């Protein structure tokens, strides 16, 4: 929610990807499940960890102090995954199930993890972060894509924007 990263990026994240001294999260890989064919031509899948889907997705994200403080308290060994604290990862579809279970436990409307990216973008714009910065933080190469797909102004933001027009009348 405070970084806008994708679920595959989060699942692939290791402690070595976080510069706690400078407060920077380095996104340089992602995890995904892909379809494969086994020797009997049956559909199977496997987990791969590879570079993100575009050059723009390789990025450095400054961490807000509240998140940086929490990460410092839970710091793990460099080669371990953030989510597990071990050298074994949790894959995106399993983490998605955990996420949905937490929503249910908190009586929050069912949603998927990707909704956090949309919320991140919308909140950033609502709080005055410029669209270019939001787009770069999300790992998008095109600002118009960010505006079209990720930014959803809420009623209060629209009301504040309309009130700007009324100043001086």
N, C-alpha and C. Protein backbone atom coordinates (compact mmCIF):
# COMPACT_ATOMS: atom_id res chain seq x y z
N UNK A 1 0.81 -1.20 0.00
CA UNK A 1 0.00 0.00 0.00
C UNK A 1 0.86 1.27 0.00
N UNK A 2 2.02 1.21 0.65
CA UNK A 2 2.89 2.39 0.72
C UNK A 2 3.98 2.40 -0.34
N UNK A 3 4.02 1.36 -1.18
CA UNK A 3 5.05 1.31 -2.22
C UNK A 3 4.48 1.16 -3.62
N UNK A 4 3.29 0.61 -3.75
CA UNK A 4 2.68 0.41 -5.05
C UNK A 4 3.24 -0.76 -5.83
N UNK A 5 3.99 -1.66 -5.17
CA UNK A 5 4.60 -2.75 -5.92
C UNK A 5 3.59 -3.86 -6.24
N UNK A 6 3.92 -4.62 -7.26
CA UNK A 6 3.08 -5.74 -7.71
C UNK A 6 3.29 -6.93 -6.78
N UNK A 7 2.30 -7.82 -6.75
CA UNK A 7 2.39 -9.00 -5.89
C UNK A 7 3.59 -9.88 -6.26
N UNK A 8 3.88 -10.03 -7.54
CA UNK A 8 5.03 -10.83 -7.96
C UNK A 8 6.35 -10.20 -7.53
N UNK A 9 6.40 -8.87 -7.53
CA UNK A 9 7.59 -8.17 -7.07
C UNK A 9 7.77 -8.35 -5.57
N UNK A 10 6.66 -8.30 -4.83
CA UNK A 10 6.71 -8.50 -3.38
C UNK A 10 7.16 -9.92 -3.05
N UNK A 11 6.62 -10.91 -3.74
CA UNK A 11 6.96 -12.30 -3.46
C UNK A 11 8.43 -12.60 -3.80
N UNK A 12 8.99 -11.90 -4.75
CA UNK A 12 10.39 -12.11 -5.14
C UNK A 12 11.36 -11.27 -4.32
N UNK A 13 10.85 -10.41 -3.47
CA UNK A 13 11.67 -9.46 -2.72
C UNK A 13 12.48 -10.14 -1.62
N UNK A 14 13.79 -9.88 -1.63
CA UNK A 14 14.68 -10.38 -0.59
C UNK A 14 15.22 -9.20 0.20
N UNK A 15 15.74 -9.51 1.38
CA UNK A 15 16.29 -8.45 2.22
C UNK A 15 17.43 -7.70 1.55
N UNK A 16 18.15 -8.37 0.69
CA UNK A 16 19.25 -7.70 -0.02
C UNK A 16 18.74 -6.62 -0.98
N UNK A 17 17.45 -6.63 -1.27
CA UNK A 17 16.86 -5.64 -2.17
C UNK A 17 16.45 -4.36 -1.44
N UNK A 18 16.61 -4.36 -0.13
CA UNK A 18 16.24 -3.18 0.65
C UNK A 18 17.49 -2.55 1.24
N UNK A 19 17.70 -1.30 0.92
CA UNK A 19 18.80 -0.52 1.47
C UNK A 19 18.23 0.24 2.68
N UNK A 20 18.37 -0.38 3.85
CA UNK A 20 17.81 0.22 5.07
C UNK A 20 18.52 1.50 5.46
N UNK A 21 19.79 1.60 5.14
CA UNK A 21 20.56 2.79 5.49
C UNK A 21 20.06 4.02 4.74
N UNK A 22 19.75 3.84 3.46
CA UNK A 22 19.29 4.96 2.64
C UNK A 22 17.78 4.97 2.43
N UNK A 23 17.09 3.97 2.95
CA UNK A 23 15.64 3.91 2.84
C UNK A 23 15.13 3.71 1.43
N UNK A 24 15.74 2.76 0.71
CA UNK A 24 15.36 2.54 -0.68
C UNK A 24 15.06 1.06 -0.93
N UNK A 25 13.95 0.84 -1.59
CA UNK A 25 13.53 -0.49 -2.01
C UNK A 25 13.89 -0.64 -3.48
N UNK A 26 14.69 -1.65 -3.80
CA UNK A 26 15.10 -1.89 -5.19
C UNK A 26 14.26 -3.01 -5.79
N UNK A 27 13.53 -2.69 -6.83
CA UNK A 27 12.74 -3.68 -7.55
C UNK A 27 13.53 -4.07 -8.80
N UNK A 28 13.99 -5.32 -8.83
CA UNK A 28 14.77 -5.77 -9.98
C UNK A 28 14.40 -7.18 -10.43
N UNK A 29 13.35 -7.73 -9.80
CA UNK A 29 12.88 -9.06 -10.20
C UNK A 29 11.43 -9.22 -9.83
N UNK A 30 10.81 -10.22 -10.45
CA UNK A 30 9.42 -10.53 -10.16
C UNK A 30 9.24 -12.04 -10.22
N UNK A 31 8.20 -12.50 -9.57
CA UNK A 31 7.91 -13.93 -9.53
C UNK A 31 6.56 -14.15 -10.21
N UNK A 32 6.50 -15.20 -11.02
CA UNK A 32 5.23 -15.53 -11.64
C UNK A 32 5.14 -17.02 -11.91
N UNK A 33 3.93 -17.49 -12.02
CA UNK A 33 3.67 -18.88 -12.38
C UNK A 33 3.35 -18.90 -13.87
N UNK A 34 4.09 -19.72 -14.62
CA UNK A 34 3.87 -19.81 -16.05
C UNK A 34 3.47 -21.22 -16.44
N UNK A 35 2.78 -21.32 -17.55
CA UNK A 35 2.37 -22.63 -18.06
C UNK A 35 3.54 -23.29 -18.76
N UNK A 36 3.65 -24.60 -18.60
CA UNK A 36 4.68 -25.38 -19.28
C UNK A 36 4.01 -26.64 -19.82
N UNK A 37 4.72 -27.39 -20.57
CA UNK A 37 4.23 -28.68 -21.05
C UNK A 37 5.16 -29.75 -20.51
N UNK A 38 4.59 -30.77 -19.90
CA UNK A 38 5.44 -31.86 -19.43
C UNK A 38 5.63 -32.86 -20.57
N UNK A 39 6.36 -33.91 -20.32
CA UNK A 39 6.69 -34.88 -21.37
C UNK A 39 5.46 -35.60 -21.94
N UNK A 40 4.38 -35.62 -21.21
CA UNK A 40 3.17 -36.30 -21.68
C UNK A 40 2.17 -35.30 -22.26
N UNK A 41 2.64 -34.10 -22.57
CA UNK A 41 1.83 -33.04 -23.16
C UNK A 41 0.67 -32.60 -22.26
N UNK A 42 0.82 -32.82 -20.96
CA UNK A 42 -0.16 -32.31 -20.01
C UNK A 42 0.25 -30.91 -19.60
N UNK A 43 -0.73 -30.09 -19.40
CA UNK A 43 -0.42 -28.73 -18.96
C UNK A 43 0.04 -28.72 -17.52
N UNK A 44 1.12 -28.08 -17.30
CA UNK A 44 1.67 -27.90 -15.95
C UNK A 44 2.09 -26.44 -15.84
N UNK A 45 2.42 -26.07 -14.63
CA UNK A 45 2.92 -24.73 -14.40
C UNK A 45 4.17 -24.80 -13.54
N UNK A 46 4.92 -23.72 -13.57
CA UNK A 46 6.10 -23.63 -12.70
C UNK A 46 6.30 -22.17 -12.32
N UNK A 47 6.99 -22.00 -11.22
CA UNK A 47 7.33 -20.66 -10.74
C UNK A 47 8.65 -20.24 -11.35
N UNK A 48 8.69 -19.01 -11.85
CA UNK A 48 9.96 -18.44 -12.31
C UNK A 48 10.16 -17.10 -11.62
N UNK A 49 11.40 -16.79 -11.37
CA UNK A 49 11.80 -15.49 -10.85
C UNK A 49 12.71 -14.90 -11.91
N UNK A 50 12.30 -13.77 -12.44
CA UNK A 50 13.00 -13.16 -13.57
C UNK A 50 12.96 -11.65 -13.41
N UNK A 51 13.54 -10.95 -14.37
CA UNK A 51 13.48 -9.50 -14.35
C UNK A 51 12.03 -9.06 -14.56
N UNK A 52 11.68 -7.87 -14.08
CA UNK A 52 10.31 -7.39 -14.28
C UNK A 52 9.94 -7.28 -15.75
N UNK A 53 8.66 -7.03 -16.01
CA UNK A 53 8.15 -7.09 -17.37
C UNK A 53 8.63 -5.98 -18.30
N UNK A 54 9.19 -4.91 -17.77
CA UNK A 54 9.72 -3.85 -18.63
C UNK A 54 10.91 -3.18 -17.94
N UNK A 55 11.67 -2.44 -18.71
CA UNK A 55 12.81 -1.69 -18.17
C UNK A 55 12.31 -0.70 -17.10
N UNK A 56 11.16 -0.08 -17.36
CA UNK A 56 10.61 0.89 -16.40
C UNK A 56 10.25 0.23 -15.07
N UNK A 57 10.00 -1.08 -15.10
CA UNK A 57 9.64 -1.78 -13.87
C UNK A 57 10.83 -2.03 -12.96
N UNK A 58 12.03 -1.88 -13.48
CA UNK A 58 13.24 -1.97 -12.64
C UNK A 58 13.41 -0.57 -12.05
N UNK A 59 13.26 -0.47 -10.74
CA UNK A 59 13.21 0.86 -10.16
C UNK A 59 13.64 0.87 -8.69
N UNK A 60 13.91 2.08 -8.21
CA UNK A 60 14.23 2.30 -6.81
C UNK A 60 13.09 3.11 -6.21
N UNK A 61 12.54 2.62 -5.12
CA UNK A 61 11.41 3.28 -4.48
C UNK A 61 11.83 3.76 -3.10
N UNK A 62 11.78 5.08 -2.85
CA UNK A 62 12.08 5.57 -1.50
C UNK A 62 11.01 5.05 -0.53
N UNK A 63 11.45 4.60 0.61
CA UNK A 63 10.52 4.05 1.60
C UNK A 63 10.08 5.12 2.59
N UNK A 64 8.78 5.21 2.87
CA UNK A 64 8.33 6.15 3.90
C UNK A 64 8.88 5.71 5.26
N UNK A 65 9.12 6.67 6.12
CA UNK A 65 9.74 6.38 7.42
C UNK A 65 8.98 5.35 8.23
N UNK A 66 7.66 5.38 8.22
CA UNK A 66 6.87 4.44 9.01
C UNK A 66 7.14 3.00 8.56
N UNK A 67 7.28 2.80 7.25
CA UNK A 67 7.58 1.46 6.73
C UNK A 67 9.04 1.10 6.98
N UNK A 68 9.93 2.05 6.80
CA UNK A 68 11.36 1.82 7.03
C UNK A 68 11.61 1.40 8.47
N UNK A 69 10.97 2.05 9.41
CA UNK A 69 11.12 1.69 10.83
C UNK A 69 10.67 0.25 11.10
N UNK A 70 9.56 -0.14 10.51
CA UNK A 70 9.06 -1.51 10.69
C UNK A 70 10.01 -2.52 10.06
N UNK A 71 10.54 -2.20 8.89
CA UNK A 71 11.48 -3.11 8.22
C UNK A 71 12.76 -3.27 9.04
N UNK A 72 13.24 -2.20 9.63
CA UNK A 72 14.46 -2.26 10.44
C UNK A 72 14.27 -3.19 11.65
N UNK A 73 13.07 -3.19 12.21
CA UNK A 73 12.79 -4.04 13.37
C UNK A 73 12.74 -5.52 13.01
N UNK A 74 12.46 -5.82 11.76
CA UNK A 74 12.30 -7.22 11.33
C UNK A 74 13.38 -7.68 10.36
N UNK A 75 14.45 -6.92 10.27
CA UNK A 75 15.50 -7.19 9.29
C UNK A 75 15.96 -8.65 9.33
N UNK A 76 16.05 -9.23 8.12
CA UNK A 76 16.50 -10.61 8.00
C UNK A 76 17.84 -10.69 7.28
N UNK A 77 18.28 -11.91 7.06
CA UNK A 77 19.55 -12.13 6.34
C UNK A 77 19.38 -11.75 4.87
N UNK A 78 20.45 -11.24 4.24
CA UNK A 78 20.36 -10.73 2.86
C UNK A 78 19.74 -11.70 1.85
N UNK A 79 20.03 -12.98 1.93
CA UNK A 79 19.55 -13.91 0.90
C UNK A 79 18.17 -14.51 1.21
N UNK A 80 17.50 -13.98 2.23
CA UNK A 80 16.19 -14.53 2.59
C UNK A 80 15.07 -13.65 2.03
N UNK A 81 13.93 -14.27 1.81
CA UNK A 81 12.77 -13.56 1.28
C UNK A 81 12.10 -12.76 2.40
N UNK A 82 11.64 -11.58 2.05
CA UNK A 82 10.98 -10.70 3.00
C UNK A 82 9.75 -11.36 3.62
N UNK A 83 8.93 -11.98 2.79
CA UNK A 83 7.65 -12.51 3.26
C UNK A 83 7.77 -13.75 4.13
N UNK A 84 8.83 -14.54 3.94
CA UNK A 84 8.96 -15.78 4.70
C UNK A 84 10.07 -15.73 5.73
N UNK A 85 11.06 -14.88 5.52
CA UNK A 85 12.21 -14.83 6.42
C UNK A 85 13.15 -16.00 6.22
N UNK A 86 12.92 -16.77 5.16
CA UNK A 86 13.76 -17.93 4.85
C UNK A 86 14.24 -17.86 3.40
N UNK A 87 14.96 -18.89 2.99
CA UNK A 87 15.41 -18.95 1.59
C UNK A 87 14.33 -19.55 0.69
N UNK A 88 13.18 -19.89 1.28
CA UNK A 88 12.05 -20.39 0.51
C UNK A 88 11.04 -19.26 0.33
N UNK A 89 10.50 -19.16 -0.87
CA UNK A 89 9.56 -18.09 -1.17
C UNK A 89 8.12 -18.54 -0.94
N UNK A 90 7.23 -17.55 -0.93
CA UNK A 90 5.80 -17.81 -1.01
C UNK A 90 5.37 -17.29 -2.38
N UNK A 91 4.67 -18.12 -3.12
CA UNK A 91 4.31 -17.74 -4.48
C UNK A 91 3.10 -16.81 -4.50
N UNK A 92 2.94 -16.03 -5.58
CA UNK A 92 1.88 -15.03 -5.64
C UNK A 92 0.47 -15.57 -5.41
N UNK A 93 0.11 -16.71 -5.97
CA UNK A 93 -1.27 -17.16 -5.79
C UNK A 93 -1.54 -17.58 -4.34
N UNK A 94 -0.54 -18.09 -3.64
CA UNK A 94 -0.70 -18.43 -2.23
C UNK A 94 -0.78 -17.15 -1.40
N UNK A 95 0.06 -16.18 -1.72
CA UNK A 95 0.02 -14.91 -1.00
C UNK A 95 -1.32 -14.20 -1.24
N UNK A 96 -1.85 -14.32 -2.46
CA UNK A 96 -3.16 -13.75 -2.77
C UNK A 96 -4.23 -14.36 -1.86
N UNK A 97 -4.14 -15.67 -1.62
CA UNK A 97 -5.09 -16.34 -0.73
C UNK A 97 -4.97 -15.80 0.70
N UNK A 98 -3.72 -15.60 1.16
CA UNK A 98 -3.49 -15.03 2.49
C UNK A 98 -4.10 -13.63 2.58
N UNK A 99 -3.89 -12.85 1.54
CA UNK A 99 -4.40 -11.49 1.49
C UNK A 99 -5.93 -11.49 1.61
N UNK A 100 -6.58 -12.34 0.83
CA UNK A 100 -8.04 -12.43 0.86
C UNK A 100 -8.54 -12.90 2.22
N UNK A 101 -7.81 -13.82 2.83
CA UNK A 101 -8.19 -14.29 4.17
C UNK A 101 -8.11 -13.15 5.18
N UNK A 102 -7.07 -12.33 5.09
CA UNK A 102 -6.94 -11.18 5.99
C UNK A 102 -8.09 -10.19 5.79
N UNK A 103 -8.45 -9.96 4.54
CA UNK A 103 -9.59 -9.07 4.27
C UNK A 103 -10.85 -9.61 4.93
N UNK A 104 -11.07 -10.90 4.75
CA UNK A 104 -12.25 -11.54 5.34
C UNK A 104 -12.23 -11.44 6.86
N UNK A 105 -11.08 -11.71 7.47
CA UNK A 105 -10.95 -11.63 8.93
C UNK A 105 -11.24 -10.23 9.45
N UNK A 106 -10.94 -9.22 8.64
CA UNK A 106 -11.14 -7.83 9.04
C UNK A 106 -12.49 -7.27 8.57
N UNK A 107 -13.32 -8.16 8.00
CA UNK A 107 -14.62 -7.74 7.47
C UNK A 107 -14.49 -6.63 6.42
N UNK A 108 -13.49 -6.77 5.57
CA UNK A 108 -13.27 -5.85 4.46
C UNK A 108 -13.72 -6.53 3.18
N UNK A 109 -14.36 -5.76 2.33
CA UNK A 109 -14.88 -6.27 1.06
C UNK A 109 -13.78 -7.06 0.31
N UNK A 110 -14.17 -8.20 -0.26
CA UNK A 110 -13.24 -9.04 -1.01
C UNK A 110 -12.64 -8.26 -2.17
N UNK A 111 -11.34 -8.33 -2.30
CA UNK A 111 -10.60 -7.68 -3.36
C UNK A 111 -9.34 -8.47 -3.61
N UNK A 112 -8.64 -8.14 -4.69
CA UNK A 112 -7.35 -8.80 -4.91
C UNK A 112 -6.22 -7.85 -4.55
N UNK A 113 -5.04 -8.40 -4.45
CA UNK A 113 -3.87 -7.64 -4.03
C UNK A 113 -3.60 -6.45 -4.94
N UNK A 114 -3.88 -6.62 -6.23
CA UNK A 114 -3.59 -5.57 -7.21
C UNK A 114 -4.37 -4.28 -6.91
N UNK A 115 -5.47 -4.40 -6.21
CA UNK A 115 -6.24 -3.22 -5.82
C UNK A 115 -5.39 -2.24 -5.02
N UNK A 116 -4.42 -2.77 -4.27
CA UNK A 116 -3.54 -1.89 -3.50
C UNK A 116 -2.74 -0.94 -4.40
N UNK A 117 -2.38 -1.41 -5.60
CA UNK A 117 -1.66 -0.54 -6.55
C UNK A 117 -2.56 0.62 -6.99
N UNK A 118 -3.81 0.29 -7.28
CA UNK A 118 -4.75 1.33 -7.69
C UNK A 118 -4.97 2.32 -6.55
N UNK A 119 -5.12 1.81 -5.35
CA UNK A 119 -5.31 2.68 -4.19
C UNK A 119 -4.08 3.55 -3.96
N UNK A 120 -2.90 2.96 -4.09
CA UNK A 120 -1.65 3.71 -3.96
C UNK A 120 -1.64 4.89 -4.94
N UNK A 121 -1.94 4.61 -6.20
CA UNK A 121 -1.92 5.65 -7.23
C UNK A 121 -2.96 6.73 -6.95
N UNK A 122 -4.16 6.31 -6.63
CA UNK A 122 -5.23 7.27 -6.37
C UNK A 122 -4.92 8.14 -5.16
N UNK A 123 -4.44 7.52 -4.08
CA UNK A 123 -4.10 8.29 -2.89
C UNK A 123 -2.95 9.26 -3.15
N UNK A 124 -1.96 8.80 -3.91
CA UNK A 124 -0.82 9.66 -4.22
C UNK A 124 -1.27 10.90 -4.97
N UNK A 125 -2.07 10.71 -5.99
CA UNK A 125 -2.57 11.85 -6.77
C UNK A 125 -3.44 12.75 -5.90
N UNK A 126 -4.31 12.16 -5.10
CA UNK A 126 -5.20 12.92 -4.22
C UNK A 126 -4.40 13.77 -3.23
N UNK A 127 -3.25 13.26 -2.79
CA UNK A 127 -2.43 13.98 -1.82
C UNK A 127 -1.43 14.92 -2.49
N UNK A 128 -1.51 15.05 -3.83
CA UNK A 128 -0.71 16.04 -4.52
C UNK A 128 0.60 15.54 -5.14
N UNK A 129 0.84 14.23 -5.14
CA UNK A 129 2.04 13.71 -5.79
C UNK A 129 1.85 13.85 -7.30
N UNK A 130 2.84 14.36 -8.00
CA UNK A 130 2.69 14.57 -9.44
C UNK A 130 2.59 13.23 -10.18
N UNK A 131 1.87 13.23 -11.29
CA UNK A 131 1.58 12.01 -12.03
C UNK A 131 2.84 11.33 -12.56
N UNK A 132 3.83 12.08 -12.94
CA UNK A 132 5.07 11.48 -13.45
C UNK A 132 5.74 10.65 -12.35
N UNK A 133 5.79 11.19 -11.15
CA UNK A 133 6.39 10.46 -10.03
C UNK A 133 5.59 9.20 -9.73
N UNK A 134 4.27 9.32 -9.71
CA UNK A 134 3.42 8.15 -9.46
C UNK A 134 3.68 7.08 -10.51
N UNK A 135 3.75 7.49 -11.76
CA UNK A 135 3.98 6.56 -12.86
C UNK A 135 5.32 5.84 -12.72
N UNK A 136 6.35 6.57 -12.37
CA UNK A 136 7.69 5.98 -12.18
C UNK A 136 7.69 5.03 -10.99
N UNK A 137 7.06 5.43 -9.89
CA UNK A 137 7.01 4.57 -8.71
C UNK A 137 6.28 3.26 -9.00
N UNK A 138 5.27 3.31 -9.85
CA UNK A 138 4.53 2.10 -10.22
C UNK A 138 5.29 1.25 -11.24
N UNK A 139 6.32 1.82 -11.86
CA UNK A 139 7.08 1.08 -12.85
C UNK A 139 6.46 1.13 -14.24
N UNK A 140 5.69 2.18 -14.51
CA UNK A 140 5.08 2.35 -15.82
C UNK A 140 5.99 3.18 -16.71
N UNK A 141 6.00 2.88 -17.99
CA UNK A 141 6.81 3.66 -18.93
C UNK A 141 6.01 4.79 -19.56
N UNK A 142 4.69 4.78 -19.35
CA UNK A 142 3.83 5.76 -19.99
C UNK A 142 2.87 6.37 -18.96
N UNK A 143 2.98 7.66 -18.77
CA UNK A 143 2.15 8.37 -17.80
C UNK A 143 0.66 8.24 -18.15
N UNK A 144 0.34 8.24 -19.44
CA UNK A 144 -1.07 8.16 -19.82
C UNK A 144 -1.67 6.81 -19.40
N UNK A 145 -0.88 5.76 -19.40
CA UNK A 145 -1.36 4.45 -18.93
C UNK A 145 -1.71 4.54 -17.45
N UNK A 146 -0.84 5.18 -16.68
CA UNK A 146 -1.08 5.35 -15.25
C UNK A 146 -2.38 6.11 -15.02
N UNK A 147 -2.57 7.19 -15.75
CA UNK A 147 -3.78 8.00 -15.58
C UNK A 147 -5.03 7.21 -15.97
N UNK A 148 -4.95 6.48 -17.07
CA UNK A 148 -6.12 5.76 -17.58
C UNK A 148 -6.52 4.58 -16.69
N UNK A 149 -5.54 3.83 -16.24
CA UNK A 149 -5.82 2.57 -15.57
C UNK A 149 -5.74 2.60 -14.05
N UNK A 150 -4.99 3.56 -13.48
CA UNK A 150 -4.70 3.48 -12.06
C UNK A 150 -5.24 4.61 -11.20
N UNK A 151 -5.51 5.75 -11.78
CA UNK A 151 -5.92 6.88 -10.96
C UNK A 151 -7.44 7.03 -11.02
N UNK A 152 -8.07 6.93 -9.86
CA UNK A 152 -9.52 6.99 -9.76
C UNK A 152 -9.88 8.04 -8.70
N UNK A 153 -10.08 9.30 -9.12
CA UNK A 153 -10.38 10.34 -8.13
C UNK A 153 -11.65 10.04 -7.35
N UNK A 154 -11.57 10.20 -6.04
CA UNK A 154 -12.76 10.00 -5.22
C UNK A 154 -13.58 11.29 -5.18
N UNK A 155 -14.77 11.20 -4.61
CA UNK A 155 -15.68 12.34 -4.59
C UNK A 155 -15.08 13.54 -3.86
N UNK A 156 -14.40 13.28 -2.75
CA UNK A 156 -13.80 14.39 -2.00
C UNK A 156 -12.74 15.11 -2.83
N UNK A 157 -11.91 14.38 -3.53
CA UNK A 157 -10.89 15.00 -4.38
C UNK A 157 -11.54 15.82 -5.49
N UNK A 158 -12.57 15.27 -6.10
CA UNK A 158 -13.27 16.01 -7.17
C UNK A 158 -13.90 17.28 -6.59
N UNK A 159 -14.46 17.16 -5.39
CA UNK A 159 -15.07 18.33 -4.75
C UNK A 159 -14.01 19.41 -4.49
N UNK A 160 -12.84 19.02 -3.97
CA UNK A 160 -11.76 19.97 -3.72
C UNK A 160 -11.29 20.64 -5.01
N UNK A 161 -11.24 19.88 -6.07
CA UNK A 161 -10.80 20.44 -7.35
C UNK A 161 -11.83 21.44 -7.87
N UNK A 162 -13.12 21.11 -7.73
CA UNK A 162 -14.19 22.02 -8.16
C UNK A 162 -14.17 23.30 -7.34
N UNK A 163 -13.89 23.18 -6.04
CA UNK A 163 -13.85 24.37 -5.18
C UNK A 163 -12.75 25.34 -5.62
N UNK A 164 -11.68 24.84 -6.21
CA UNK A 164 -10.62 25.71 -6.72
C UNK A 164 -11.18 26.66 -7.78
N UNK A 165 -12.15 26.16 -8.55
CA UNK A 165 -12.76 26.99 -9.58
C UNK A 165 -13.59 28.12 -8.99
N UNK A 166 -14.14 27.92 -7.81
CA UNK A 166 -15.03 28.90 -7.19
C UNK A 166 -14.29 30.02 -6.49
N UNK A 167 -12.98 29.87 -6.28
CA UNK A 167 -12.20 30.89 -5.60
C UNK A 167 -12.26 32.19 -6.42
N UNK A 168 -12.64 33.30 -5.77
CA UNK A 168 -12.68 34.59 -6.43
C UNK A 168 -14.04 34.95 -6.98
N UNK A 169 -14.99 34.05 -6.91
CA UNK A 169 -16.36 34.39 -7.37
C UNK A 169 -17.15 34.99 -6.27
